[in-house]
């Protein structure tokens, strides 16, 4: 249960970091942009947590196996477009396909990096506890 909580919080933070980086690259990093950041991050987080369990992304067999790091990327390719549609509905704005592609790719990269860091830390702390 503890590891699952760490994964939940880490996923949320990874998605938040990717969102902030995305807005920063467009020169929109001020506090005035926080509502728009939330309008991107919240649907992305909801989509992620709706899709991720179907890919086994919170089971210990998947989260502790280096060969399974493709799973978060694949899951994000489903969660990203869903998030873009949800964002469009929230903002009553057009749904721009290239935004969906970029959001999916960058979010997949962010989550895979986080999950790789988690896996490395889990392996190191696991070895310490076993010795």
Protein backbone atom coordinates (compact mmCIF):
# COMPACT_ATOMS: atom_id res chain seq x y z
CA UNK A 1 0.00 0.00 0.00
CA UNK A 2 2.86 2.37 0.83
CA UNK A 3 4.44 1.85 -2.59
CA UNK A 4 1.14 2.49 -4.34
CA UNK A 5 0.77 5.81 -2.49
CA UNK A 6 4.29 6.80 -3.54
CA UNK A 7 3.42 5.92 -7.14
CA UNK A 8 0.19 7.96 -7.02
CA UNK A 9 1.93 11.03 -5.61
CA UNK A 10 4.90 10.62 -7.95
CA UNK A 11 2.64 10.32 -10.98
CA UNK A 12 0.76 13.47 -9.97
CA UNK A 13 4.02 15.36 -9.48
CA UNK A 14 5.48 14.11 -12.76
CA UNK A 15 2.38 15.26 -14.63
CA UNK A 16 2.47 18.61 -12.81
CA UNK A 17 6.13 19.11 -13.71
CA UNK A 18 5.46 18.29 -17.36
CA UNK A 19 2.53 20.72 -17.34
CA UNK A 20 4.61 23.54 -15.84
CA UNK A 21 7.44 22.88 -18.29
CA UNK A 22 4.96 22.98 -21.17
CA UNK A 23 3.54 26.32 -20.11
CA UNK A 24 7.02 27.70 -19.41
CA UNK A 25 8.19 26.85 -22.93
CA UNK A 26 5.35 29.02 -24.20
CA UNK A 27 6.23 31.91 -21.88
CA UNK A 28 3.20 31.31 -19.69
CA UNK A 29 4.76 30.57 -16.30
CA UNK A 30 3.19 33.28 -14.11
CA UNK A 31 0.55 32.88 -11.45
CA UNK A 32 -2.03 34.28 -13.87
CA UNK A 33 -1.71 31.05 -15.86
CA UNK A 34 -2.43 28.72 -12.92
CA UNK A 35 -6.12 28.24 -13.88
CA UNK A 36 -5.10 27.25 -17.43
CA UNK A 37 -2.40 24.96 -16.03
CA UNK A 38 -5.02 23.34 -13.84
CA UNK A 39 -7.30 22.99 -16.86
CA UNK A 40 -4.57 20.94 -18.53
CA UNK A 41 -3.20 19.06 -15.48
CA UNK A 42 -6.51 18.02 -13.92
CA UNK A 43 -7.94 16.26 -17.01
CA UNK A 44 -4.54 14.68 -17.65
CA UNK A 45 -4.38 13.35 -14.10
CA UNK A 46 -7.95 12.06 -14.20
CA UNK A 47 -7.33 10.39 -17.56
CA UNK A 48 -4.08 8.87 -16.31
CA UNK A 49 -5.64 7.35 -13.22
CA UNK A 50 -8.60 6.09 -15.25
CA UNK A 51 -6.36 4.35 -17.81
CA UNK A 52 -3.25 3.30 -15.83
CA UNK A 53 -4.84 0.45 -13.83
CA UNK A 54 -5.81 -1.32 -17.08
CA UNK A 55 -2.10 -1.50 -17.91
CA UNK A 56 -1.19 -2.86 -14.47
CA UNK A 57 0.74 0.27 -13.57
CA UNK A 58 0.14 -0.01 -9.85
CA UNK A 59 0.89 -3.72 -9.41
CA UNK A 60 4.26 -4.63 -7.92
CA UNK A 61 5.12 -7.01 -10.75
CA UNK A 62 4.94 -4.20 -13.26
CA UNK A 63 6.44 -1.39 -11.21
CA UNK A 64 9.55 -3.34 -10.21
CA UNK A 65 10.47 -4.77 -13.61
CA UNK A 66 12.71 -2.68 -15.86
CA UNK A 67 11.34 -4.49 -18.92
CA UNK A 68 7.87 -3.09 -18.15
CA UNK A 69 8.78 0.61 -18.53
CA UNK A 70 7.03 0.62 -21.91
CA UNK A 71 3.67 0.26 -20.16
CA UNK A 72 3.43 3.83 -18.79
CA UNK A 73 4.27 5.23 -22.22
CA UNK A 74 1.61 3.12 -23.89
CA UNK A 75 -0.96 4.03 -21.25
CA UNK A 76 -0.24 7.73 -21.79
CA UNK A 77 -0.98 7.36 -25.49
CA UNK A 78 -4.53 6.57 -24.44
CA UNK A 79 -4.75 8.96 -21.49
CA UNK A 80 -3.35 11.97 -23.38
CA UNK A 81 -6.03 12.19 -26.08
CA UNK A 82 -8.75 11.62 -23.48
CA UNK A 83 -7.28 14.49 -21.45
CA UNK A 84 -7.25 16.78 -24.49
CA UNK A 85 -10.93 16.07 -25.15
CA UNK A 86 -11.78 16.68 -21.48
CA UNK A 87 -9.74 19.92 -21.51
CA UNK A 88 -11.56 21.10 -24.64
CA UNK A 89 -14.89 20.47 -22.95
CA UNK A 90 -13.83 22.25 -19.75
CA UNK A 91 -12.53 25.31 -21.60
CA UNK A 92 -15.19 25.16 -24.32
CA UNK A 93 -12.29 25.35 -26.75
CA UNK A 94 -11.39 23.54 -29.95
CA UNK A 95 -9.58 20.24 -29.65
CA UNK A 96 -6.26 20.59 -31.46
CA UNK A 97 -4.83 17.23 -32.56
CA UNK A 98 -1.16 18.33 -32.48
CA UNK A 99 -1.66 19.44 -28.88
CA UNK A 100 -2.88 15.93 -28.10
CA UNK A 101 0.20 14.40 -29.71
CA UNK A 102 2.62 16.73 -27.91
CA UNK A 103 0.81 16.33 -24.59
CA UNK A 104 0.86 12.55 -24.92
CA UNK A 105 4.55 12.38 -25.89
CA UNK A 106 5.82 14.77 -23.23
CA UNK A 107 3.64 13.26 -20.52
CA UNK A 108 4.74 9.76 -21.49
CA UNK A 109 8.35 10.85 -21.24
CA UNK A 110 7.76 12.47 -17.84
CA UNK A 111 5.97 9.46 -16.40
CA UNK A 112 8.52 6.99 -17.78
CA UNK A 113 11.39 9.02 -16.27
CA UNK A 114 9.60 9.13 -12.91
CA UNK A 115 8.78 5.42 -13.01
CA UNK A 116 12.43 4.62 -13.88
CA UNK A 117 13.61 6.68 -10.90
CA UNK A 118 11.06 4.88 -8.71
CA UNK A 119 12.26 1.51 -9.96
CA UNK A 120 15.92 2.36 -9.26
CA UNK A 121 15.14 3.59 -5.75
CA UNK A 122 12.92 0.59 -5.07
CA UNK A 123 15.66 -1.81 -6.15
CA UNK A 124 18.31 -0.10 -4.03
CA UNK A 125 16.17 0.09 -0.91
CA UNK A 126 14.95 -3.47 -1.50
CA UNK A 127 18.53 -4.76 -1.58
CA UNK A 128 19.37 -2.90 1.64
CA UNK A 129 16.40 -4.48 3.41
CA UNK A 130 17.28 -7.97 2.13
CA UNK A 131 20.94 -7.79 3.28
